[in-house]
Amino acid sequence: MTHLLAAYSTATLSDGLDRLGRPGSLLGLTGLFPGARLSGRAYTVRYVTAGHPAGTVGDYLDEVEPGQVVVLDNGGRTDCTVWGDILTAMAHHRGVSGTVIDGVCRDVARAIGTGYPIYSKGRFMRTGKDRVEVSDTGRPVTVGGVQIAPGQLLVGDEDGVVAIPADVEDDLLDICAEIHEREAGIVADILAGGTLAAARARHGYHALQRSAS
């Protein structure tokens, strides 16, 4: 199922989730480099402000399986990072599918050079050590205004990241196939000399993302 949904763009997936009345589009997160894509099941990590004495920023990556996506909830903080060079090197080496951060990353040269996908709210060089600490792993987190459960499917491309609720994966696959087919039909009609208005009307463009209820 994972690879079938990952074949669709995040725009199509987002439209499909709109039709189902479910959230999933992560606001404010962008890919580190052009052409980035990721898909996989979430391994979730939540950060909080460091205590006194400060706790650890975490060795959780030892537990992440190949093909999973590391999902870091740093509360949207942009004043300190929770992902950098060492984690990128290890994650890329172990076949982790990518990293999604409600916050910022640093040491981006390695990720760009290796093509390791990172989606975040930006980049900033200041360490999170002694500023934030891991609160828990393997529990629901919030990223880009969307709650993400452990094991939830994430898909990312040049438009951003979508988190897909597990209970709608089957329905979403059918809807995305329909949306993709209709939009392809619109493009084909236009390239054949038709008008945009006629092509959209014929294929029901304006209702593609609307709930049937």
N, C-alpha and C. Protein backbone atom coordinates (compact mmCIF):
# COMPACT_ATOMS: atom_id res chain seq x y z
N MET A 1 0.83 -1.20 0.00
CA MET A 1 0.00 0.00 0.00
C MET A 1 0.87 1.26 0.00
N THR A 2 1.97 1.23 0.77
CA THR A 2 2.81 2.42 0.87
C THR A 2 3.28 2.90 -0.48
N HIS A 3 3.81 1.99 -1.29
CA HIS A 3 4.39 2.43 -2.56
C HIS A 3 3.32 2.89 -3.53
N LEU A 4 2.09 2.38 -3.42
CA LEU A 4 1.02 2.79 -4.32
C LEU A 4 0.62 4.24 -4.07
N LEU A 5 0.45 4.63 -2.84
CA LEU A 5 0.09 6.01 -2.52
C LEU A 5 1.25 6.96 -2.80
N ALA A 6 2.47 6.48 -2.61
CA ALA A 6 3.64 7.34 -2.84
C ALA A 6 3.82 7.67 -4.31
N ALA A 7 3.12 6.98 -5.19
CA ALA A 7 3.20 7.28 -6.61
C ALA A 7 2.50 8.58 -6.97
N TYR A 8 1.63 9.05 -6.08
CA TYR A 8 0.88 10.28 -6.35
C TYR A 8 1.58 11.48 -5.74
N SER A 9 1.35 12.63 -6.34
CA SER A 9 1.93 13.87 -5.83
C SER A 9 1.26 14.25 -4.51
N THR A 10 1.96 15.08 -3.72
CA THR A 10 1.33 15.55 -2.48
C THR A 10 0.11 16.41 -2.78
N ALA A 11 0.09 17.09 -3.92
CA ALA A 11 -1.08 17.89 -4.29
C ALA A 11 -2.30 16.99 -4.48
N THR A 12 -2.12 15.87 -5.17
CA THR A 12 -3.22 14.94 -5.38
C THR A 12 -3.65 14.31 -4.06
N LEU A 13 -2.68 13.94 -3.24
CA LEU A 13 -3.01 13.35 -1.94
C LEU A 13 -3.75 14.35 -1.06
N SER A 14 -3.32 15.60 -1.08
CA SER A 14 -3.99 16.63 -0.29
C SER A 14 -5.42 16.84 -0.76
N ASP A 15 -5.63 16.87 -2.09
CA ASP A 15 -6.99 17.01 -2.61
C ASP A 15 -7.86 15.83 -2.19
N GLY A 16 -7.27 14.64 -2.21
CA GLY A 16 -8.01 13.46 -1.79
C GLY A 16 -8.39 13.51 -0.32
N LEU A 17 -7.49 13.98 0.51
CA LEU A 17 -7.80 14.12 1.93
C LEU A 17 -8.87 15.18 2.15
N ASP A 18 -8.85 16.24 1.35
CA ASP A 18 -9.92 17.24 1.43
C ASP A 18 -11.27 16.60 1.17
N ARG A 19 -11.32 15.74 0.15
CA ARG A 19 -12.59 15.09 -0.17
C ARG A 19 -13.07 14.22 0.99
N LEU A 20 -12.13 13.61 1.69
CA LEU A 20 -12.48 12.77 2.82
C LEU A 20 -12.71 13.57 4.10
N GLY A 21 -12.45 14.87 4.04
CA GLY A 21 -12.63 15.72 5.21
C GLY A 21 -11.62 15.47 6.30
N ARG A 22 -10.39 15.07 5.89
CA ARG A 22 -9.35 14.74 6.88
C ARG A 22 -8.13 15.64 6.70
N PRO A 23 -7.51 16.08 7.80
CA PRO A 23 -6.29 16.87 7.69
C PRO A 23 -5.10 15.99 7.33
N GLY A 24 -4.04 16.62 6.83
CA GLY A 24 -2.85 15.85 6.51
C GLY A 24 -1.74 16.65 5.87
N SER A 25 -2.04 17.85 5.38
CA SER A 25 -1.03 18.67 4.72
C SER A 25 -0.26 19.46 5.77
N LEU A 26 1.05 19.24 5.84
CA LEU A 26 1.87 19.83 6.90
C LEU A 26 2.27 21.26 6.52
N LEU A 27 1.73 22.21 7.26
CA LEU A 27 1.92 23.62 6.94
C LEU A 27 3.33 24.10 7.28
N GLY A 28 3.95 24.80 6.33
CA GLY A 28 5.21 25.49 6.60
C GLY A 28 6.46 24.66 6.44
N LEU A 29 6.34 23.41 6.00
CA LEU A 29 7.52 22.56 5.82
C LEU A 29 7.88 22.46 4.35
N THR A 30 9.15 22.64 4.05
CA THR A 30 9.63 22.54 2.67
C THR A 30 10.85 21.64 2.61
N GLY A 31 11.08 21.09 1.42
CA GLY A 31 12.23 20.22 1.22
C GLY A 31 13.53 21.00 1.18
N LEU A 32 14.61 20.32 1.52
CA LEU A 32 15.91 20.97 1.61
C LEU A 32 16.50 21.27 0.24
N PHE A 33 16.13 20.48 -0.77
CA PHE A 33 16.72 20.67 -2.10
C PHE A 33 15.70 20.28 -3.16
N PRO A 34 15.84 20.81 -4.37
CA PRO A 34 14.90 20.48 -5.45
C PRO A 34 14.92 18.98 -5.77
N GLY A 35 13.76 18.46 -6.08
CA GLY A 35 13.65 17.07 -6.47
C GLY A 35 13.55 16.09 -5.33
N ALA A 36 13.55 16.57 -4.09
CA ALA A 36 13.47 15.67 -2.94
C ALA A 36 12.13 14.94 -2.92
N ARG A 37 12.17 13.67 -2.55
CA ARG A 37 10.96 12.88 -2.34
C ARG A 37 11.21 11.93 -1.18
N LEU A 38 10.16 11.66 -0.44
CA LEU A 38 10.24 10.64 0.60
C LEU A 38 8.90 9.95 0.75
N SER A 39 8.94 8.74 1.24
CA SER A 39 7.73 8.04 1.65
C SER A 39 8.12 6.97 2.65
N GLY A 40 7.28 6.76 3.63
CA GLY A 40 7.55 5.75 4.64
C GLY A 40 6.69 5.96 5.87
N ARG A 41 6.82 5.04 6.79
CA ARG A 41 6.05 5.06 8.04
C ARG A 41 6.79 5.87 9.11
N ALA A 42 6.03 6.59 9.89
CA ALA A 42 6.60 7.54 10.85
C ALA A 42 7.20 6.86 12.07
N TYR A 43 8.42 7.28 12.40
CA TYR A 43 9.01 7.04 13.72
C TYR A 43 9.00 8.39 14.41
N THR A 44 8.21 8.52 15.47
CA THR A 44 7.94 9.83 16.05
C THR A 44 8.80 10.13 17.27
N VAL A 45 9.23 11.40 17.35
CA VAL A 45 10.05 11.89 18.47
C VAL A 45 9.53 13.26 18.88
N ARG A 46 9.34 13.47 20.17
CA ARG A 46 8.87 14.77 20.65
C ARG A 46 9.94 15.40 21.55
N TYR A 47 10.20 16.68 21.30
CA TYR A 47 11.15 17.45 22.10
C TYR A 47 10.41 18.44 22.99
N VAL A 48 11.02 18.76 24.11
CA VAL A 48 10.53 19.81 25.00
C VAL A 48 11.73 20.67 25.41
N THR A 49 11.47 21.81 26.02
CA THR A 49 12.54 22.66 26.52
C THR A 49 13.37 21.90 27.55
N ALA A 50 14.68 22.01 27.46
CA ALA A 50 15.57 21.28 28.34
C ALA A 50 15.39 21.70 29.79
N GLY A 51 15.49 20.71 30.67
CA GLY A 51 15.40 20.98 32.10
C GLY A 51 16.77 21.28 32.69
N HIS A 52 16.84 21.30 34.00
CA HIS A 52 18.08 21.55 34.72
C HIS A 52 18.30 20.44 35.74
N PRO A 53 19.28 19.53 35.52
CA PRO A 53 20.20 19.52 34.38
C PRO A 53 19.49 19.10 33.09
N ALA A 54 20.08 19.48 31.97
CA ALA A 54 19.48 19.18 30.68
C ALA A 54 19.54 17.69 30.36
N GLY A 55 18.49 17.18 29.77
CA GLY A 55 18.48 15.81 29.29
C GLY A 55 19.14 15.70 27.93
N THR A 56 19.03 14.54 27.33
CA THR A 56 19.69 14.28 26.06
C THR A 56 18.83 14.69 24.87
N VAL A 57 19.50 15.05 23.76
CA VAL A 57 18.78 15.29 22.52
C VAL A 57 18.42 13.98 21.83
N GLY A 58 18.91 12.87 22.37
CA GLY A 58 18.39 11.57 21.97
C GLY A 58 19.30 10.72 21.11
N ASP A 59 19.29 9.41 21.42
CA ASP A 59 19.98 8.42 20.61
C ASP A 59 18.95 7.51 19.93
N TYR A 60 17.76 8.06 19.69
CA TYR A 60 16.65 7.29 19.15
C TYR A 60 16.94 6.67 17.78
N LEU A 61 17.88 7.25 17.04
CA LEU A 61 18.12 6.78 15.68
C LEU A 61 18.59 5.33 15.66
N ASP A 62 19.14 4.84 16.77
CA ASP A 62 19.51 3.43 16.86
C ASP A 62 18.30 2.51 16.65
N GLU A 63 17.12 3.02 16.95
CA GLU A 63 15.91 2.21 16.89
C GLU A 63 15.13 2.36 15.60
N VAL A 64 15.49 3.29 14.75
CA VAL A 64 14.74 3.56 13.52
C VAL A 64 15.09 2.51 12.48
N GLU A 65 14.06 1.94 11.85
CA GLU A 65 14.25 0.89 10.85
C GLU A 65 14.44 1.49 9.46
N PRO A 66 15.17 0.78 8.59
CA PRO A 66 15.27 1.22 7.19
C PRO A 66 13.88 1.39 6.58
N GLY A 67 13.71 2.46 5.81
CA GLY A 67 12.42 2.72 5.18
C GLY A 67 11.48 3.57 6.00
N GLN A 68 11.76 3.75 7.29
CA GLN A 68 10.93 4.62 8.11
C GLN A 68 11.30 6.09 7.86
N VAL A 69 10.39 6.98 8.27
CA VAL A 69 10.62 8.41 8.22
C VAL A 69 10.72 8.93 9.65
N VAL A 70 11.79 9.61 9.97
CA VAL A 70 11.94 10.22 11.29
C VAL A 70 11.10 11.49 11.34
N VAL A 71 10.19 11.55 12.30
CA VAL A 71 9.29 12.70 12.44
C VAL A 71 9.57 13.36 13.78
N LEU A 72 10.08 14.61 13.74
CA LEU A 72 10.53 15.30 14.94
C LEU A 72 9.63 16.49 15.24
N ASP A 73 9.03 16.46 16.41
CA ASP A 73 8.18 17.55 16.89
C ASP A 73 8.99 18.40 17.85
N ASN A 74 9.50 19.54 17.35
CA ASN A 74 10.22 20.48 18.21
C ASN A 74 9.38 21.73 18.46
N GLY A 75 8.07 21.56 18.37
CA GLY A 75 7.17 22.65 18.69
C GLY A 75 7.27 23.84 17.75
N GLY A 76 7.82 23.60 16.54
CA GLY A 76 7.97 24.68 15.58
C GLY A 76 9.12 25.63 15.88
N ARG A 77 9.98 25.30 16.84
CA ARG A 77 11.07 26.19 17.21
C ARG A 77 12.06 26.35 16.06
N THR A 78 12.47 27.59 15.82
CA THR A 78 13.46 27.87 14.79
C THR A 78 14.74 28.47 15.36
N ASP A 79 14.85 28.51 16.69
CA ASP A 79 16.03 29.10 17.33
C ASP A 79 17.10 28.07 17.65
N CYS A 80 16.82 26.78 17.47
CA CYS A 80 17.81 25.74 17.69
C CYS A 80 17.41 24.49 16.91
N THR A 81 18.40 23.74 16.50
CA THR A 81 18.16 22.60 15.63
C THR A 81 18.02 21.30 16.40
N VAL A 82 17.38 20.32 15.77
CA VAL A 82 17.28 18.98 16.34
C VAL A 82 17.75 17.93 15.33
N TRP A 83 18.42 18.36 14.27
CA TRP A 83 18.94 17.41 13.27
C TRP A 83 20.15 18.03 12.60
N GLY A 84 21.23 17.22 12.49
CA GLY A 84 22.45 17.73 11.87
C GLY A 84 23.26 16.63 11.21
N ASP A 85 24.54 16.88 11.04
CA ASP A 85 25.42 16.08 10.20
C ASP A 85 25.52 14.62 10.63
N ILE A 86 25.70 14.37 11.92
CA ILE A 86 25.87 13.00 12.40
C ILE A 86 24.63 12.18 12.14
N LEU A 87 23.47 12.76 12.42
CA LEU A 87 22.22 12.04 12.21
C LEU A 87 21.98 11.80 10.72
N THR A 88 22.29 12.79 9.88
CA THR A 88 22.14 12.60 8.44
C THR A 88 23.01 11.46 7.95
N ALA A 89 24.27 11.43 8.39
CA ALA A 89 25.20 10.38 7.96
C ALA A 89 24.69 9.00 8.34
N MET A 90 24.22 8.86 9.57
CA MET A 90 23.75 7.56 10.04
C MET A 90 22.45 7.17 9.35
N ALA A 91 21.53 8.10 9.24
CA ALA A 91 20.24 7.80 8.63
C ALA A 91 20.40 7.39 7.18
N HIS A 92 21.21 8.13 6.45
CA HIS A 92 21.45 7.80 5.04
C HIS A 92 22.11 6.43 4.91
N HIS A 93 23.08 6.15 5.75
CA HIS A 93 23.80 4.87 5.72
C HIS A 93 22.85 3.70 6.00
N ARG A 94 21.90 3.90 6.90
CA ARG A 94 21.01 2.81 7.30
C ARG A 94 19.77 2.69 6.44
N GLY A 95 19.60 3.56 5.46
CA GLY A 95 18.46 3.44 4.57
C GLY A 95 17.18 4.01 5.12
N VAL A 96 17.28 4.96 6.05
CA VAL A 96 16.10 5.67 6.53
C VAL A 96 15.57 6.52 5.37
N SER A 97 14.25 6.61 5.25
CA SER A 97 13.66 7.25 4.06
C SER A 97 13.75 8.77 4.08
N GLY A 98 13.88 9.37 5.25
CA GLY A 98 13.96 10.82 5.32
C GLY A 98 13.59 11.32 6.70
N THR A 99 13.63 12.63 6.85
CA THR A 99 13.35 13.28 8.13
C THR A 99 12.40 14.44 7.92
N VAL A 100 11.42 14.54 8.81
CA VAL A 100 10.43 15.62 8.78
C VAL A 100 10.48 16.31 10.13
N ILE A 101 10.66 17.64 10.13
CA ILE A 101 10.91 18.37 11.37
C ILE A 101 9.96 19.54 11.54
N ASP A 102 9.27 19.59 12.67
CA ASP A 102 8.55 20.80 13.05
C ASP A 102 9.55 21.69 13.79
N GLY A 103 10.46 22.25 13.00
CA GLY A 103 11.59 23.02 13.50
C GLY A 103 12.61 23.13 12.40
N VAL A 104 13.90 23.23 12.78
CA VAL A 104 14.95 23.48 11.78
C VAL A 104 16.03 22.41 11.85
N CYS A 105 16.85 22.39 10.77
CA CYS A 105 17.98 21.48 10.69
C CYS A 105 19.25 22.29 10.45
N ARG A 106 20.39 21.60 10.51
CA ARG A 106 21.67 22.26 10.22
C ARG A 106 22.60 21.27 9.51
N ASP A 107 23.82 21.71 9.22
CA ASP A 107 24.80 20.87 8.51
C ASP A 107 24.18 20.31 7.23
N VAL A 108 23.56 21.17 6.46
CA VAL A 108 22.76 20.70 5.34
C VAL A 108 23.60 20.21 4.16
N ALA A 109 24.89 20.51 4.14
CA ALA A 109 25.71 20.12 2.99
C ALA A 109 25.72 18.62 2.78
N ARG A 110 25.78 17.85 3.86
CA ARG A 110 25.81 16.39 3.70
C ARG A 110 24.48 15.88 3.15
N ALA A 111 23.37 16.39 3.67
CA ALA A 111 22.06 15.94 3.18
C ALA A 111 21.90 16.27 1.70
N ILE A 112 22.31 17.47 1.32
CA ILE A 112 22.21 17.86 -0.09
C ILE A 112 23.13 17.00 -0.95
N GLY A 113 24.34 16.77 -0.46
CA GLY A 113 25.32 16.00 -1.22
C GLY A 113 24.93 14.55 -1.41
N THR A 114 24.28 13.97 -0.41
CA THR A 114 23.90 12.55 -0.50
C THR A 114 22.49 12.36 -1.02
N GLY A 115 21.73 13.46 -1.12
CA GLY A 115 20.34 13.34 -1.54
C GLY A 115 19.42 12.82 -0.46
N TYR A 116 19.82 12.98 0.81
CA TYR A 116 18.97 12.52 1.92
C TYR A 116 17.85 13.54 2.14
N PRO A 117 16.58 13.11 2.04
CA PRO A 117 15.47 14.07 2.12
C PRO A 117 15.21 14.58 3.54
N ILE A 118 15.20 15.89 3.68
CA ILE A 118 14.81 16.54 4.93
C ILE A 118 13.77 17.61 4.60
N TYR A 119 12.68 17.59 5.35
CA TYR A 119 11.65 18.62 5.24
C TYR A 119 11.56 19.30 6.59
N SER A 120 11.65 20.64 6.58
CA SER A 120 11.69 21.38 7.84
C SER A 120 11.16 22.78 7.63
N LYS A 121 11.20 23.58 8.70
CA LYS A 121 10.79 24.98 8.61
C LYS A 121 11.96 25.89 8.30
N GLY A 122 13.11 25.31 8.01
CA GLY A 122 14.27 26.10 7.65
C GLY A 122 15.55 25.49 8.16
N ARG A 123 16.61 26.26 8.10
CA ARG A 123 17.92 25.81 8.55
C ARG A 123 18.52 26.88 9.45
N PHE A 124 19.21 26.44 10.49
CA PHE A 124 19.84 27.35 11.44
C PHE A 124 20.93 26.57 12.15
N MET A 125 22.08 27.19 12.39
CA MET A 125 23.25 26.44 12.82
C MET A 125 23.32 26.17 14.32
N ARG A 126 22.48 26.79 15.14
CA ARG A 126 22.66 26.68 16.60
C ARG A 126 22.13 25.35 17.12
N THR A 127 22.95 24.70 17.94
CA THR A 127 22.61 23.39 18.45
C THR A 127 21.42 23.42 19.40
N GLY A 128 20.72 22.28 19.44
CA GLY A 128 19.64 22.12 20.40
C GLY A 128 20.11 21.57 21.73
N LYS A 129 21.37 21.13 21.81
CA LYS A 129 21.90 20.60 23.07
C LYS A 129 21.83 21.65 24.17
N ASP A 130 21.32 21.25 25.31
CA ASP A 130 21.10 22.10 26.48
C ASP A 130 20.00 23.13 26.27
N ARG A 131 19.33 23.05 25.14
CA ARG A 131 18.18 23.92 24.88
C ARG A 131 16.88 23.12 24.81
N VAL A 132 16.97 21.93 24.19
CA VAL A 132 15.81 21.04 24.13
C VAL A 132 16.27 19.64 24.49
N GLU A 133 15.33 18.79 24.83
CA GLU A 133 15.63 17.40 25.13
C GLU A 133 14.47 16.53 24.67
N VAL A 134 14.77 15.26 24.42
CA VAL A 134 13.73 14.32 24.00
C VAL A 134 12.80 14.04 25.17
N SER A 135 11.51 14.21 24.92
CA SER A 135 10.50 13.90 25.92
C SER A 135 10.04 12.46 25.80
N ASP A 136 9.75 12.04 24.57
CA ASP A 136 9.30 10.67 24.35
C ASP A 136 9.41 10.31 22.88
N THR A 137 9.37 9.03 22.60
CA THR A 137 9.36 8.51 21.23
C THR A 137 8.21 7.53 21.10
N GLY A 138 7.80 7.30 19.85
CA GLY A 138 6.77 6.31 19.60
C GLY A 138 5.40 6.70 20.10
N ARG A 139 5.14 8.00 20.20
CA ARG A 139 3.82 8.49 20.61
C ARG A 139 3.37 9.56 19.62
N PRO A 140 2.08 9.88 19.57
CA PRO A 140 1.62 10.90 18.63
C PRO A 140 2.32 12.23 18.84
N VAL A 141 2.62 12.90 17.73
CA VAL A 141 3.26 14.22 17.76
C VAL A 141 2.47 15.14 16.85
N THR A 142 2.79 16.42 16.91
CA THR A 142 2.16 17.40 16.03
C THR A 142 3.24 18.10 15.21
N VAL A 143 3.07 18.07 13.90
CA VAL A 143 4.03 18.68 12.98
C VAL A 143 3.24 19.46 11.93
N GLY A 144 3.59 20.72 11.77
CA GLY A 144 2.89 21.55 10.78
C GLY A 144 1.40 21.62 11.01
N GLY A 145 1.00 21.57 12.28
CA GLY A 145 -0.41 21.67 12.63
C GLY A 145 -1.20 20.39 12.48
N VAL A 146 -0.53 19.28 12.16
CA VAL A 146 -1.21 18.00 11.95
C VAL A 146 -0.69 16.97 12.95
N GLN A 147 -1.61 16.25 13.59
CA GLN A 147 -1.19 15.19 14.50
C GLN A 147 -0.78 13.97 13.68
N ILE A 148 0.37 13.40 14.03
CA ILE A 148 0.92 12.25 13.33
C ILE A 148 1.16 11.13 14.33
N ALA A 149 0.61 9.96 14.04
CA ALA A 149 0.76 8.80 14.91
C ALA A 149 1.95 7.96 14.47
N PRO A 150 2.57 7.23 15.38
CA PRO A 150 3.62 6.31 14.97
C PRO A 150 3.08 5.33 13.91
N GLY A 151 3.88 5.09 12.91
CA GLY A 151 3.47 4.17 11.85
C GLY A 151 2.62 4.79 10.76
N GLN A 152 2.26 6.05 10.89
CA GLN A 152 1.44 6.72 9.87
C GLN A 152 2.28 6.97 8.63
N LEU A 153 1.66 6.84 7.48
CA LEU A 153 2.35 7.02 6.21
C LEU A 153 2.57 8.49 5.90
N LEU A 154 3.80 8.84 5.51
CA LEU A 154 4.11 10.19 5.05
C LEU A 154 4.64 10.13 3.63
N VAL A 155 4.25 11.12 2.82
CA VAL A 155 4.74 11.25 1.46
C VAL A 155 5.19 12.70 1.27
N GLY A 156 6.38 12.89 0.73
CA GLY A 156 6.89 14.22 0.49
C GLY A 156 7.39 14.39 -0.92
N ASP A 157 7.21 15.59 -1.48
CA ASP A 157 7.78 15.94 -2.78
C ASP A 157 8.12 17.41 -2.78
N GLU A 158 8.26 18.03 -3.94
CA GLU A 158 8.70 19.42 -4.00
C GLU A 158 7.65 20.40 -3.46
N ASP A 159 6.41 19.96 -3.28
CA ASP A 159 5.37 20.82 -2.72
C ASP A 159 5.28 20.73 -1.21
N GLY A 160 5.94 19.76 -0.58
CA GLY A 160 5.87 19.61 0.86
C GLY A 160 5.58 18.18 1.26
N VAL A 161 4.94 18.02 2.43
CA VAL A 161 4.71 16.69 3.00
C VAL A 161 3.24 16.53 3.38
N VAL A 162 2.73 15.33 3.14
CA VAL A 162 1.38 14.95 3.55
C VAL A 162 1.48 13.74 4.47
N ALA A 163 0.74 13.78 5.57
CA ALA A 163 0.62 12.64 6.48
C ALA A 163 -0.77 12.04 6.29
N ILE A 164 -0.81 10.74 6.03
CA ILE A 164 -2.05 10.08 5.65
C ILE A 164 -2.57 9.22 6.80
N PRO A 165 -3.76 9.53 7.34
CA PRO A 165 -4.31 8.71 8.41
C PRO A 165 -4.48 7.26 7.97
N ALA A 166 -4.12 6.34 8.85
CA ALA A 166 -4.11 4.92 8.49
C ALA A 166 -5.48 4.41 8.07
N ASP A 167 -6.55 4.95 8.66
CA ASP A 167 -7.88 4.41 8.40
C ASP A 167 -8.46 4.83 7.06
N VAL A 168 -7.78 5.72 6.32
CA VAL A 168 -8.32 6.15 5.02
C VAL A 168 -7.41 5.77 3.86
N GLU A 169 -6.38 4.98 4.09
CA GLU A 169 -5.43 4.67 3.03
C GLU A 169 -6.11 4.03 1.82
N ASP A 170 -6.98 3.05 2.06
CA ASP A 170 -7.64 2.36 0.94
C ASP A 170 -8.54 3.31 0.16
N ASP A 171 -9.36 4.08 0.88
CA ASP A 171 -10.25 5.04 0.21
C ASP A 171 -9.46 6.10 -0.54
N LEU A 172 -8.37 6.56 0.07
CA LEU A 172 -7.58 7.61 -0.55
C LEU A 172 -6.94 7.12 -1.85
N LEU A 173 -6.53 5.88 -1.88
CA LEU A 173 -5.93 5.34 -3.09
C LEU A 173 -6.91 5.39 -4.26
N ASP A 174 -8.15 5.02 -4.01
CA ASP A 174 -9.16 5.07 -5.07
C ASP A 174 -9.44 6.51 -5.51
N ILE A 175 -9.54 7.41 -4.55
CA ILE A 175 -9.83 8.81 -4.86
C ILE A 175 -8.69 9.44 -5.65
N CYS A 176 -7.46 9.15 -5.25
CA CYS A 176 -6.31 9.73 -5.95
C CYS A 176 -6.23 9.23 -7.39
N ALA A 177 -6.57 7.98 -7.60
CA ALA A 177 -6.58 7.45 -8.97
C ALA A 177 -7.59 8.22 -9.82
N GLU A 178 -8.75 8.51 -9.25
CA GLU A 178 -9.78 9.26 -9.98
C GLU A 178 -9.31 10.70 -10.26
N ILE A 179 -8.77 11.36 -9.24
CA ILE A 179 -8.31 12.73 -9.41
C ILE A 179 -7.22 12.80 -10.48
N HIS A 180 -6.28 11.90 -10.40
CA HIS A 180 -5.19 11.88 -11.38
C HIS A 180 -5.72 11.68 -12.79
N GLU A 181 -6.65 10.77 -12.95
CA GLU A 181 -7.21 10.50 -14.28
C GLU A 181 -7.95 11.71 -14.82
N ARG A 182 -8.75 12.36 -13.99
CA ARG A 182 -9.50 13.53 -14.44
C ARG A 182 -8.57 14.69 -14.80
N GLU A 183 -7.57 14.94 -14.00
CA GLU A 183 -6.66 16.04 -14.30
C GLU A 183 -5.85 15.75 -15.57
N ALA A 184 -5.49 14.50 -15.77
CA ALA A 184 -4.80 14.14 -17.01
C ALA A 184 -5.71 14.37 -18.21
N GLY A 185 -7.00 14.10 -18.03
CA GLY A 185 -7.96 14.34 -19.10
C GLY A 185 -8.09 15.82 -19.43
N ILE A 186 -8.06 16.66 -18.41
CA ILE A 186 -8.13 18.11 -18.64
C ILE A 186 -6.93 18.57 -19.45
N VAL A 187 -5.76 18.15 -19.06
CA VAL A 187 -4.54 18.54 -19.78
C VAL A 187 -4.59 18.05 -21.23
N ALA A 188 -5.04 16.80 -21.43
CA ALA A 188 -5.12 16.26 -22.79
C ALA A 188 -6.08 17.06 -23.65
N ASP A 189 -7.23 17.45 -23.09
CA ASP A 189 -8.21 18.24 -23.84
C ASP A 189 -7.63 19.60 -24.23
N ILE A 190 -6.94 20.24 -23.29
CA ILE A 190 -6.36 21.56 -23.56
C ILE A 190 -5.29 21.47 -24.66
N LEU A 191 -4.43 20.46 -24.56
CA LEU A 191 -3.35 20.32 -25.54
C LEU A 191 -3.89 19.94 -26.92
N ALA A 192 -5.12 19.40 -26.93
CA ALA A 192 -5.75 19.07 -28.21
C ALA A 192 -6.49 20.26 -28.81
N GLY A 193 -6.43 21.40 -28.12
CA GLY A 193 -7.03 22.61 -28.66
C GLY A 193 -8.29 23.08 -27.96
N GLY A 194 -8.73 22.37 -26.93
CA GLY A 194 -9.93 22.77 -26.20
C GLY A 194 -9.67 23.94 -25.28
N THR A 195 -10.75 24.54 -24.80
CA THR A 195 -10.62 25.64 -23.85
C THR A 195 -10.49 25.10 -22.43
N LEU A 196 -9.89 25.91 -21.58
CA LEU A 196 -9.75 25.53 -20.18
C LEU A 196 -11.11 25.35 -19.54
N ALA A 197 -12.02 26.29 -19.80
CA ALA A 197 -13.35 26.22 -19.19
C ALA A 197 -14.08 24.94 -19.58
N ALA A 198 -14.03 24.60 -20.86
CA ALA A 198 -14.72 23.40 -21.33
C ALA A 198 -14.10 22.14 -20.76
N ALA A 199 -12.76 22.10 -20.72
CA ALA A 199 -12.07 20.91 -20.20
C ALA A 199 -12.37 20.71 -18.72
N ARG A 200 -12.34 21.80 -17.97
CA ARG A 200 -12.63 21.69 -16.54
C ARG A 200 -14.08 21.27 -16.30
N ALA A 201 -14.98 21.82 -17.06
CA ALA A 201 -16.39 21.45 -16.90
C ALA A 201 -16.61 19.98 -17.24
N ARG A 202 -16.01 19.52 -18.32
CA ARG A 202 -16.20 18.14 -18.77
C ARG A 202 -15.71 17.14 -17.73
N HIS A 203 -14.59 17.44 -17.09
CA HIS A 203 -13.98 16.49 -16.16
C HIS A 203 -14.29 16.80 -14.69
N GLY A 204 -15.13 17.78 -14.44
CA GLY A 204 -15.54 18.07 -13.06
C GLY A 204 -14.44 18.59 -12.18
N TYR A 205 -13.58 19.46 -12.74
CA TYR A 205 -12.41 19.92 -12.02
C TYR A 205 -12.74 20.58 -10.69
N HIS A 206 -13.76 21.43 -10.67
CA HIS A 206 -14.03 22.24 -9.48
C HIS A 206 -14.58 21.42 -8.31
N ALA A 207 -14.95 20.19 -8.57
CA ALA A 207 -15.50 19.35 -7.50
C ALA A 207 -14.56 18.22 -7.11
N LEU A 208 -13.37 18.20 -7.68
CA LEU A 208 -12.46 17.07 -7.44
C LEU A 208 -12.15 16.86 -5.97
N GLN A 209 -11.98 17.96 -5.23
CA GLN A 209 -11.57 17.84 -3.82
C GLN A 209 -12.74 17.93 -2.85
N ARG A 210 -13.97 18.10 -3.40
CA ARG A 210 -15.12 18.31 -2.51
C ARG A 210 -15.65 16.99 -1.97
N SER A 211 -16.07 17.06 -0.71
CA SER A 211 -16.68 15.88 -0.08
C SER A 211 -18.00 15.58 -0.77
N ALA A 212 -18.29 14.30 -0.94
CA ALA A 212 -19.56 13.89 -1.55
C ALA A 212 -20.73 14.06 -0.61
N SER A 213 -20.46 14.20 0.68
CA SER A 213 -21.54 14.31 1.67
C SER A 213 -22.06 15.74 1.76
